[in-house]
Amino acid sequence: MQKERENSASEAKPLWKRMTWLVLIWSTSVLVLGVVAWLLRQFMTAAGLTTP
């Protein structure tokens, strides 16, 4: 039983699945960063901090 787990854990997933997860995680992080930046800008504008 132990060896079966080791063999299945050591088998690499297909490259396209790993790349899909990488792109998905990266895209989500960029999207969240954009939302946070937009929210900060909204709060700063509401507080009167605008550029001339």
N, C-alpha and C. Protein backbone atom coordinates (compact mmCIF):
# COMPACT_ATOMS: atom_id res chain seq x y z
N MET A 1 0.83 -1.20 0.00
CA MET A 1 0.00 0.00 0.00
C MET A 1 0.87 1.26 0.00
N GLN A 2 1.93 1.23 0.78
CA GLN A 2 2.83 2.37 0.87
C GLN A 2 3.47 2.67 -0.49
N LYS A 3 3.91 1.62 -1.19
CA LYS A 3 4.57 1.82 -2.47
C LYS A 3 3.60 2.36 -3.52
N GLU A 4 2.34 1.96 -3.45
CA GLU A 4 1.36 2.47 -4.39
C GLU A 4 1.20 3.97 -4.24
N ARG A 5 1.18 4.44 -3.01
CA ARG A 5 1.05 5.88 -2.78
C ARG A 5 2.27 6.61 -3.28
N GLU A 6 3.46 6.06 -3.04
CA GLU A 6 4.69 6.70 -3.50
C GLU A 6 4.72 6.78 -5.02
N ASN A 7 4.31 5.70 -5.69
CA ASN A 7 4.31 5.70 -7.14
C ASN A 7 3.32 6.71 -7.71
N SER A 8 2.12 6.76 -7.15
CA SER A 8 1.13 7.71 -7.67
C SER A 8 1.52 9.15 -7.35
N ALA A 9 2.18 9.37 -6.22
CA ALA A 9 2.59 10.72 -5.86
C ALA A 9 3.75 11.19 -6.73
N SER A 10 4.60 10.27 -7.15
CA SER A 10 5.77 10.66 -7.93
C SER A 10 5.44 10.82 -9.41
N GLU A 11 4.29 10.33 -9.87
CA GLU A 11 3.92 10.50 -11.26
C GLU A 11 3.56 11.96 -11.52
N ALA A 12 4.21 12.52 -12.53
CA ALA A 12 3.96 13.93 -12.86
C ALA A 12 2.67 14.06 -13.65
N LYS A 13 1.97 15.12 -13.38
CA LYS A 13 0.76 15.41 -14.16
C LYS A 13 1.18 15.96 -15.52
N PRO A 14 0.28 15.88 -16.50
CA PRO A 14 0.63 16.40 -17.83
C PRO A 14 1.00 17.88 -17.79
N LEU A 15 1.88 18.25 -18.70
CA LEU A 15 2.36 19.63 -18.74
C LEU A 15 1.22 20.61 -18.94
N TRP A 16 0.26 20.29 -19.78
CA TRP A 16 -0.83 21.24 -20.05
C TRP A 16 -1.66 21.49 -18.80
N LYS A 17 -1.82 20.47 -17.92
CA LYS A 17 -2.57 20.68 -16.68
C LYS A 17 -1.79 21.59 -15.73
N ARG A 18 -0.49 21.35 -15.64
CA ARG A 18 0.33 22.20 -14.76
C ARG A 18 0.37 23.63 -15.26
N MET A 19 0.49 23.81 -16.58
CA MET A 19 0.52 25.16 -17.14
C MET A 19 -0.82 25.86 -16.99
N THR A 20 -1.92 25.10 -17.11
CA THR A 20 -3.25 25.68 -16.93
C THR A 20 -3.40 26.22 -15.52
N TRP A 21 -2.98 25.43 -14.53
CA TRP A 21 -3.06 25.90 -13.14
C TRP A 21 -2.18 27.13 -12.93
N LEU A 22 -0.99 27.12 -13.52
CA LEU A 22 -0.09 28.25 -13.37
C LEU A 22 -0.72 29.53 -13.93
N VAL A 23 -1.28 29.44 -15.14
CA VAL A 23 -1.91 30.60 -15.78
C VAL A 23 -3.14 31.04 -14.99
N LEU A 24 -3.92 30.08 -14.50
CA LEU A 24 -5.11 30.41 -13.72
C LEU A 24 -4.76 31.14 -12.43
N ILE A 25 -3.77 30.64 -11.72
CA ILE A 25 -3.36 31.28 -10.46
C ILE A 25 -2.76 32.67 -10.74
N TRP A 26 -1.94 32.78 -11.78
CA TRP A 26 -1.34 34.07 -12.12
C TRP A 26 -2.42 35.08 -12.51
N SER A 27 -3.36 34.67 -13.36
CA SER A 27 -4.42 35.57 -13.81
C SER A 27 -5.28 36.04 -12.64
N THR A 28 -5.59 35.12 -11.73
CA THR A 28 -6.39 35.48 -10.57
C THR A 28 -5.65 36.49 -9.70
N SER A 29 -4.35 36.28 -9.50
CA SER A 29 -3.59 37.21 -8.67
C SER A 29 -3.51 38.59 -9.31
N VAL A 30 -3.36 38.65 -10.62
CA VAL A 30 -3.31 39.94 -11.32
C VAL A 30 -4.67 40.64 -11.21
N LEU A 31 -5.74 39.88 -11.36
CA LEU A 31 -7.09 40.45 -11.25
C LEU A 31 -7.34 41.00 -9.85
N VAL A 32 -6.97 40.23 -8.83
CA VAL A 32 -7.17 40.69 -7.45
C VAL A 32 -6.33 41.93 -7.16
N LEU A 33 -5.10 41.96 -7.66
CA LEU A 33 -4.26 43.13 -7.47
C LEU A 33 -4.88 44.36 -8.14
N GLY A 34 -5.47 44.19 -9.32
CA GLY A 34 -6.13 45.29 -10.00
C GLY A 34 -7.34 45.80 -9.22
N VAL A 35 -8.11 44.89 -8.65
CA VAL A 35 -9.29 45.28 -7.86
C VAL A 35 -8.85 46.05 -6.61
N VAL A 36 -7.80 45.58 -5.95
CA VAL A 36 -7.30 46.27 -4.75
C VAL A 36 -6.80 47.66 -5.12
N ALA A 37 -6.07 47.78 -6.21
CA ALA A 37 -5.57 49.09 -6.65
C ALA A 37 -6.74 50.03 -6.98
N TRP A 38 -7.76 49.50 -7.64
CA TRP A 38 -8.93 50.31 -7.98
C TRP A 38 -9.65 50.79 -6.72
N LEU A 39 -9.81 49.88 -5.74
CA LEU A 39 -10.47 50.26 -4.49
C LEU A 39 -9.66 51.33 -3.74
N LEU A 40 -8.35 51.18 -3.70
CA LEU A 40 -7.52 52.21 -3.06
C LEU A 40 -7.67 53.55 -3.77
N ARG A 41 -7.71 53.52 -5.07
CA ARG A 41 -7.88 54.76 -5.83
C ARG A 41 -9.24 55.40 -5.54
N GLN A 42 -10.30 54.58 -5.41
CA GLN A 42 -11.62 55.10 -5.09
C GLN A 42 -11.64 55.75 -3.71
N PHE A 43 -11.00 55.10 -2.74
CA PHE A 43 -10.95 55.68 -1.39
C PHE A 43 -10.14 56.98 -1.38
N MET A 44 -9.04 56.99 -2.12
CA MET A 44 -8.23 58.20 -2.16
C MET A 44 -8.97 59.35 -2.84
N THR A 45 -9.71 59.05 -3.89
CA THR A 45 -10.50 60.08 -4.58
C THR A 45 -11.61 60.58 -3.67
N ALA A 46 -12.25 59.69 -2.93
CA ALA A 46 -13.31 60.11 -2.01
C ALA A 46 -12.75 60.97 -0.89
N ALA A 47 -11.50 60.77 -0.53
CA ALA A 47 -10.88 61.58 0.52
C ALA A 47 -10.34 62.89 -0.01
N GLY A 48 -10.47 63.12 -1.31
CA GLY A 48 -10.01 64.38 -1.90
C GLY A 48 -8.60 64.36 -2.38
N LEU A 49 -8.00 63.22 -2.47
CA LEU A 49 -6.63 63.11 -2.95
C LEU A 49 -6.65 62.84 -4.45
N THR A 50 -6.64 63.91 -5.22
CA THR A 50 -6.65 63.77 -6.67
C THR A 50 -5.44 64.49 -7.25
N THR A 51 -5.03 64.12 -8.43
CA THR A 51 -3.94 64.81 -9.10
C THR A 51 -4.51 65.99 -9.89
N PRO A 52 -3.75 67.07 -9.95
CA PRO A 52 -4.23 68.26 -10.68
C PRO A 52 -4.30 68.05 -12.17
